[in-house]
Each structure stands twice: as structure tokens, then as C-alpha cells.
Amino acid sequence: MRLIALPYAGRGASAFGHFASFVPEGIELLAVQFPGREDRLAEPRFTSIDPLVAAVAEAFVRDLLHAEPLPYVLFGHSLGGLVAFELTRDLRRRGATLPIEVLISGRLPPDHDAPPLGLHRLPEDAFRRSMRELAGTPEEVLRNEDLMGILSPILRDDLEICETYVFRPEAPLEVPLTVYGGIDDASVPTEILPGWARQSRKECTVRPVQGTHWFVNSDGSKGERAFAKLFREDLVRCLARSRGGPPARPGWES
């Protein structure tokens, strides 16, 4: 089985390097590299969801589903969670093989009516203050002009994707969903996460995590350890399902 990981705003495939320590044996971890970052830094970035999802879907179908077909699970955090959801809908429209499950973390339901913050349009000083308040960018990076000269445009473009996203209703997916949310994440309250169930006719499981929005980071925090434990459990279950194992568990677990 494959685990296809989609990065969050400002990050690339390297964000998932530490996942290898808790992804079970028998699962191949493949991290997607969006254009305009890391080893694709010279390529133009996307600023809206549709062309990004279409590009990922085309490469995915060409390079994996046709060339090396295996059962797979999608995972995405924050922006990556939104891309994972829309990618699954895109693959359905193409008649492609769908994931056996979609794992989403740190992302409100796509049809949840939350006013955009307009962060991507802020002047640079205000933008950096906002990034500091969100606590997703290390202070040493925020203070490094050379690094921020590279990172700030990437963050802005990724945030524009999130802030200009418009949900378009379609039939619910025939794919189970598992949704992780940090108990201390004020931007993605866990009580709203059950709304993801509207997007699937299969099981939708909410997994509260003891942590903030950044429990996926490799920072050695309690949140990272809690997420790693839950995530590994869910991957073991998905692996069993891919081999014809037992059905999914019920819809809410603490």
C-alpha cells in the first residue's frame, strides 16, 4: 500500500521526512512536491486550487495509477488536506482508482462558512507578524531576511489558494474519511470537524489530538507524539483493509 502525503502552506515534500519513523512496514511513503519550492523552486507556483489539483491528478494518474498500481491512502495537513479532498473528487471525475481512505488534518470542512482572513494580501511587516502569531514558522526563519525572501512568496501563494477557495457541491464520496484536529487549535475547532461527514457516504472518523495546529511537525512535542500514535493506528487499519481485513471503526474516537 502507498501513503501519498500532500504538504501544507509554505512547505514541500521534506515536511514528511520524519513520518518514516512511524509509518508501518508494508506502506510506501510518497510525498508530493508542489511546484515552486525545494527541488522545484524554479517552477511557477499555483495561486488557486483547480489548476494545482489538476496538475497533481494528471501526474498521479500517469506515474502511479497506470505505471505502478497499488492500493493507496491520501493524507494532507491544512492546505494539503484541502488538496487531498479535491484531488479525490478530481480522480472520481476522471474515472480513476480512488484511495481506500482519505486522511485529513488541521482543516475545516470544505463547505464550512468561514470568512477568509486575507493574509496573503498583507504588507510584508504585517504578514510576518501574522506568521509569528500562527506559530508555524520558526522565529529564526522569520528573522532571516534571505530565507524569508524565499519563503514569504511561497506562503502568500499557498495562503491565496486557501483564502480564495470556493466549495462546489458534488455527490458525497464513496471513500471513508479520517479527520485529525488539535484540541488546542483555535483556527480549526474540533467541534466543527464532524461536518466532514457531509462529504462522504462512508465512515467519517474524527480523531482529536492533544496539540495545536502544528501537531504534524517534527518538534518532539506532545502533540507530535499523540498524532504519530493515532496516525500509525489508522495506517495499520488501512493496510489491513487493503489486504481484505476488518472493516473501519466507528465515527468518533478520543
Protein backbone atom coordinates (compact mmCIF):
# COMPACT_ATOMS: atom_id res chain seq x y z
CA MET A 1 0.00 0.00 0.00
CA ARG A 2 1.09 3.57 -0.60
CA LEU A 3 0.67 6.64 1.58
CA ILE A 4 0.54 9.77 -0.59
CA ALA A 5 1.28 12.86 1.55
CA LEU A 6 0.35 16.41 0.48
CA PRO A 7 2.15 19.32 2.18
CA TYR A 8 0.76 22.32 3.98
CA ALA A 9 1.27 26.00 3.16
CA GLY A 10 4.86 27.07 2.68
CA ARG A 11 6.26 23.57 2.86
CA GLY A 12 7.24 20.84 0.45
CA ALA A 13 7.87 17.12 0.43
CA SER A 14 10.57 17.40 3.10
CA ALA A 15 7.86 18.20 5.68
CA PHE A 16 7.14 14.47 5.82
CA GLY A 17 10.68 13.20 6.29
CA HIS A 18 10.04 12.29 9.93
CA PHE A 19 6.91 10.30 9.03
CA ALA A 20 9.18 7.38 8.13
CA SER A 21 9.67 6.78 11.87
CA PHE A 22 6.00 5.90 12.44
CA VAL A 23 4.68 4.69 9.07
CA PRO A 24 4.22 0.91 9.43
CA GLU A 25 6.18 -1.63 7.47
CA GLY A 26 4.41 -2.59 4.27
CA ILE A 27 3.48 1.02 3.43
CA GLU A 28 5.47 3.09 0.94
CA LEU A 29 5.53 6.79 1.84
CA LEU A 30 5.46 9.12 -1.17
CA ALA A 31 5.42 12.87 -0.50
CA VAL A 32 4.09 15.13 -3.24
CA GLN A 33 6.25 18.09 -4.22
CA PHE A 34 4.16 21.06 -5.31
CA PRO A 35 5.89 23.34 -7.86
CA GLY A 36 7.75 26.43 -6.74
CA ARG A 37 9.53 25.01 -3.69
CA GLU A 38 12.52 22.90 -2.67
CA ASP A 39 13.81 20.98 -5.72
CA ARG A 40 11.06 22.57 -7.87
CA LEU A 41 11.80 26.12 -6.73
CA ALA A 42 12.30 27.48 -10.26
CA GLU A 43 8.85 26.32 -11.43
CA PRO A 44 5.83 28.66 -11.34
CA ARG A 45 3.59 28.26 -8.31
CA PHE A 46 -0.18 27.96 -8.33
CA THR A 47 -2.41 30.50 -6.62
CA SER A 48 -5.78 28.73 -6.99
CA ILE A 49 -6.95 25.25 -6.17
CA ASP A 50 -8.24 23.97 -9.52
CA PRO A 51 -5.02 24.08 -11.60
CA LEU A 52 -2.98 22.73 -8.68
CA VAL A 53 -5.31 19.77 -8.19
CA ALA A 54 -5.47 19.11 -11.94
CA ALA A 55 -1.67 19.08 -12.20
CA VAL A 56 -1.33 16.70 -9.26
CA ALA A 57 -4.09 14.44 -10.61
CA GLU A 58 -2.55 14.22 -14.07
CA ALA A 59 0.88 13.31 -12.69
CA PHE A 60 -0.68 10.91 -10.20
CA VAL A 61 -2.66 9.00 -12.83
CA ARG A 62 0.27 8.92 -15.25
CA ASP A 63 3.08 8.00 -12.87
CA LEU A 64 1.37 5.85 -10.23
CA LEU A 65 -2.09 4.61 -11.06
CA HIS A 66 -1.16 3.47 -14.56
CA ALA A 67 2.54 2.69 -14.22
CA GLU A 68 2.61 1.11 -10.74
CA PRO A 69 -0.91 0.48 -9.44
CA LEU A 70 -1.19 -0.25 -5.72
CA PRO A 71 -3.88 0.45 -3.11
CA TYR A 72 -3.25 3.87 -1.62
CA VAL A 73 -4.27 6.32 1.08
CA LEU A 74 -4.16 10.11 0.75
CA PHE A 75 -3.02 12.32 3.62
CA GLY A 76 -2.88 16.09 3.76
CA HIS A 77 -2.48 18.68 6.50
CA SER A 78 -4.20 22.08 6.33
CA LEU A 79 -3.79 23.18 2.68
CA GLY A 80 -2.74 19.61 1.93
CA GLY A 81 -5.99 18.34 3.44
CA LEU A 82 -8.00 20.55 1.11
CA VAL A 83 -5.93 19.34 -1.85
CA ALA A 84 -6.42 15.71 -0.77
CA PHE A 85 -10.20 16.19 -0.73
CA GLU A 86 -10.38 17.97 -4.08
CA LEU A 87 -7.89 15.52 -5.61
CA THR A 88 -10.17 12.64 -4.66
CA ARG A 89 -13.11 14.38 -6.32
CA ASP A 90 -10.99 15.10 -9.41
CA LEU A 91 -9.90 11.45 -9.64
CA ARG A 92 -13.54 10.38 -9.37
CA ARG A 93 -14.47 12.62 -12.31
CA ARG A 94 -11.63 11.05 -14.31
CA GLY A 95 -12.86 7.53 -13.51
CA ALA A 96 -9.51 6.77 -11.86
CA THR A 97 -8.89 4.39 -8.98
CA LEU A 98 -9.82 6.12 -5.72
CA PRO A 99 -7.95 5.90 -2.41
CA ILE A 100 -9.08 3.34 0.11
CA GLU A 101 -9.27 6.20 2.62
CA VAL A 102 -8.54 9.93 2.84
CA LEU A 103 -6.80 11.18 5.99
CA ILE A 104 -7.12 14.92 6.62
CA SER A 105 -5.68 17.00 9.45
CA GLY A 106 -5.94 20.60 10.54
CA ARG A 107 -8.60 21.54 8.01
CA LEU A 108 -12.18 22.75 8.43
CA PRO A 109 -14.89 21.04 6.34
CA PRO A 110 -14.77 22.47 2.81
CA ASP A 111 -18.36 23.70 2.97
CA HIS A 112 -17.89 25.42 6.33
CA ASP A 113 -18.63 29.13 6.01
CA ALA A 114 -15.52 30.79 7.45
CA PRO A 115 -14.62 34.32 6.29
CA PRO A 116 -11.12 34.48 4.74
CA LEU A 117 -8.53 36.40 6.74
CA GLY A 118 -6.88 37.96 3.71
CA LEU A 119 -3.41 37.12 5.00
CA HIS A 120 -1.93 36.72 1.53
CA ARG A 121 -2.61 40.41 0.76
CA LEU A 122 -1.00 41.89 3.88
CA PRO A 123 2.02 44.21 3.69
CA GLU A 124 5.21 42.33 4.48
CA ASP A 125 5.62 43.56 8.07
CA ALA A 126 2.02 42.70 8.94
CA PHE A 127 2.34 39.40 7.10
CA ARG A 128 5.34 38.38 9.19
CA ARG A 129 3.57 39.38 12.40
CA SER A 130 0.66 37.16 11.39
CA MET A 131 3.02 34.27 10.62
CA ARG A 132 4.58 34.73 14.06
CA GLU A 133 1.15 34.65 15.72
CA LEU A 134 0.20 31.49 13.83
CA ALA A 135 3.39 29.89 15.22
CA GLY A 136 4.02 27.71 12.18
CA THR A 137 7.26 29.39 11.10
CA PRO A 138 10.33 29.23 13.38
CA GLU A 139 11.46 32.56 14.81
CA GLU A 140 14.95 32.13 13.39
CA VAL A 141 13.41 31.84 9.92
CA LEU A 142 11.18 34.88 10.41
CA ARG A 143 14.26 36.93 11.37
CA ASN A 144 16.34 35.72 8.42
CA GLU A 145 15.84 38.11 5.50
CA ASP A 146 17.36 35.75 2.94
CA LEU A 147 15.16 32.83 3.98
CA MET A 148 12.03 34.97 4.20
CA GLY A 149 12.78 36.36 0.75
CA ILE A 150 12.26 32.81 -0.50
CA LEU A 151 9.59 31.61 1.93
CA SER A 152 7.27 34.63 2.06
CA PRO A 153 6.15 34.46 -1.61
CA ILE A 154 5.55 30.71 -1.27
CA LEU A 155 3.47 31.19 1.86
CA ARG A 156 1.48 34.01 0.27
CA ASP A 157 0.65 31.98 -2.83
CA ASP A 158 -0.33 28.94 -0.77
CA LEU A 159 -2.49 31.05 1.52
CA GLU A 160 -4.14 32.60 -1.52
CA ILE A 161 -5.18 29.09 -2.60
CA CYS A 162 -6.84 28.58 0.78
CA GLU A 163 -8.38 32.03 1.06
CA THR A 164 -9.86 32.11 -2.44
CA TYR A 165 -11.20 28.54 -2.35
CA VAL A 166 -14.88 28.24 -3.20
CA PHE A 167 -16.64 24.97 -2.39
CA ARG A 168 -18.70 23.49 -5.23
CA PRO A 169 -21.24 20.86 -4.14
CA GLU A 170 -20.92 17.39 -5.64
CA ALA A 171 -22.21 13.98 -4.63
CA PRO A 172 -20.56 12.74 -1.43
CA LEU A 173 -17.54 10.50 -1.89
CA GLU A 174 -17.73 6.73 -1.60
CA VAL A 175 -14.47 6.84 0.36
CA PRO A 176 -14.01 6.76 4.16
CA LEU A 177 -12.57 9.87 5.79
CA THR A 178 -10.47 10.22 8.93
CA VAL A 179 -10.03 13.76 10.23
CA TYR A 180 -7.47 14.85 12.84
CA GLY A 181 -7.74 18.09 14.77
CA GLY A 182 -5.66 19.69 17.50
CA ILE A 183 -7.61 20.20 20.71
CA ASP A 184 -5.73 23.48 21.20
CA ASP A 185 -6.09 24.63 17.59
CA ALA A 186 -8.25 27.76 17.72
CA SER A 187 -8.25 28.06 13.91
CA VAL A 188 -9.76 24.59 13.39
CA PRO A 189 -12.08 23.82 16.34
CA THR A 190 -12.54 20.08 16.78
CA GLU A 191 -16.29 20.50 17.36
CA ILE A 192 -16.66 21.60 13.72
CA LEU A 193 -14.75 18.65 12.25
CA PRO A 194 -17.70 16.18 12.26
CA GLY A 195 -19.04 18.33 9.40
CA TRP A 196 -16.64 16.45 7.13
CA ALA A 197 -19.19 13.62 7.27
CA ARG A 198 -21.28 15.56 4.75
CA GLN A 199 -18.61 14.82 2.13
CA SER A 200 -18.71 11.01 2.31
CA ARG A 201 -21.28 8.25 2.30
CA LYS A 202 -18.76 6.05 4.12
CA GLU A 203 -17.37 6.33 7.63
CA CYS A 204 -16.11 9.71 8.81
CA THR A 205 -13.96 9.41 11.92
CA VAL A 206 -12.79 12.43 13.90
CA ARG A 207 -9.55 11.97 15.84
CA PRO A 208 -8.88 14.75 18.39
CA VAL A 209 -5.15 15.24 19.01
CA GLN A 210 -3.59 16.69 22.15
CA GLY A 211 -1.86 19.60 20.45
CA THR A 212 -2.07 22.79 18.42
CA HIS A 213 -2.44 23.18 14.66
CA TRP A 214 1.17 22.05 14.20
CA PHE A 215 0.97 18.53 15.66
CA VAL A 216 2.30 17.14 12.36
CA ASN A 217 5.66 18.91 12.81
CA SER A 218 8.83 17.08 13.86
CA ASP A 219 9.32 19.14 17.02
CA GLY A 220 9.24 16.40 19.64
CA SER A 221 6.11 17.89 21.19
CA LYS A 222 3.35 16.05 22.99
CA GLY A 223 1.13 16.84 20.02
CA GLU A 224 3.52 15.23 17.56
CA ARG A 225 3.77 12.08 19.68
CA ALA A 226 -0.02 11.89 20.09
CA PHE A 227 -0.58 12.32 16.37
CA ALA A 228 2.08 9.76 15.44
CA LYS A 229 0.37 7.15 17.63
CA LEU A 230 -3.09 7.77 16.18
CA PHE A 231 -1.79 8.03 12.63
CA ARG A 232 0.10 4.76 12.87
CA GLU A 233 -3.02 3.02 14.23
CA ASP A 234 -5.06 4.30 11.30
CA LEU A 235 -2.45 3.28 8.75
CA VAL A 236 -2.34 -0.23 10.21
CA ARG A 237 -6.11 -0.38 9.85
CA CYS A 238 -5.94 0.91 6.26
CA LEU A 239 -3.25 -1.63 5.44
CA ALA A 240 -5.46 -4.42 6.78
CA ARG A 241 -8.35 -3.12 4.69
CA SER A 242 -6.16 -3.05 1.57
CA ARG A 243 -5.49 -6.75 2.20
CA GLY A 244 -9.14 -7.58 2.80
CA GLY A 245 -9.01 -7.16 6.58
CA PRO A 246 -11.65 -6.00 9.09
CA PRO A 247 -13.96 -3.02 8.45
CA ALA A 248 -13.41 0.51 9.68
CA ARG A 249 -14.08 1.59 13.23
CA PRO A 250 -16.97 3.90 14.25
CA GLY A 251 -17.22 7.61 13.73
CA TRP A 252 -15.74 9.43 16.77
CA GLU A 253 -12.77 8.48 18.88
CA SER A 254 -10.93 10.40 21.55
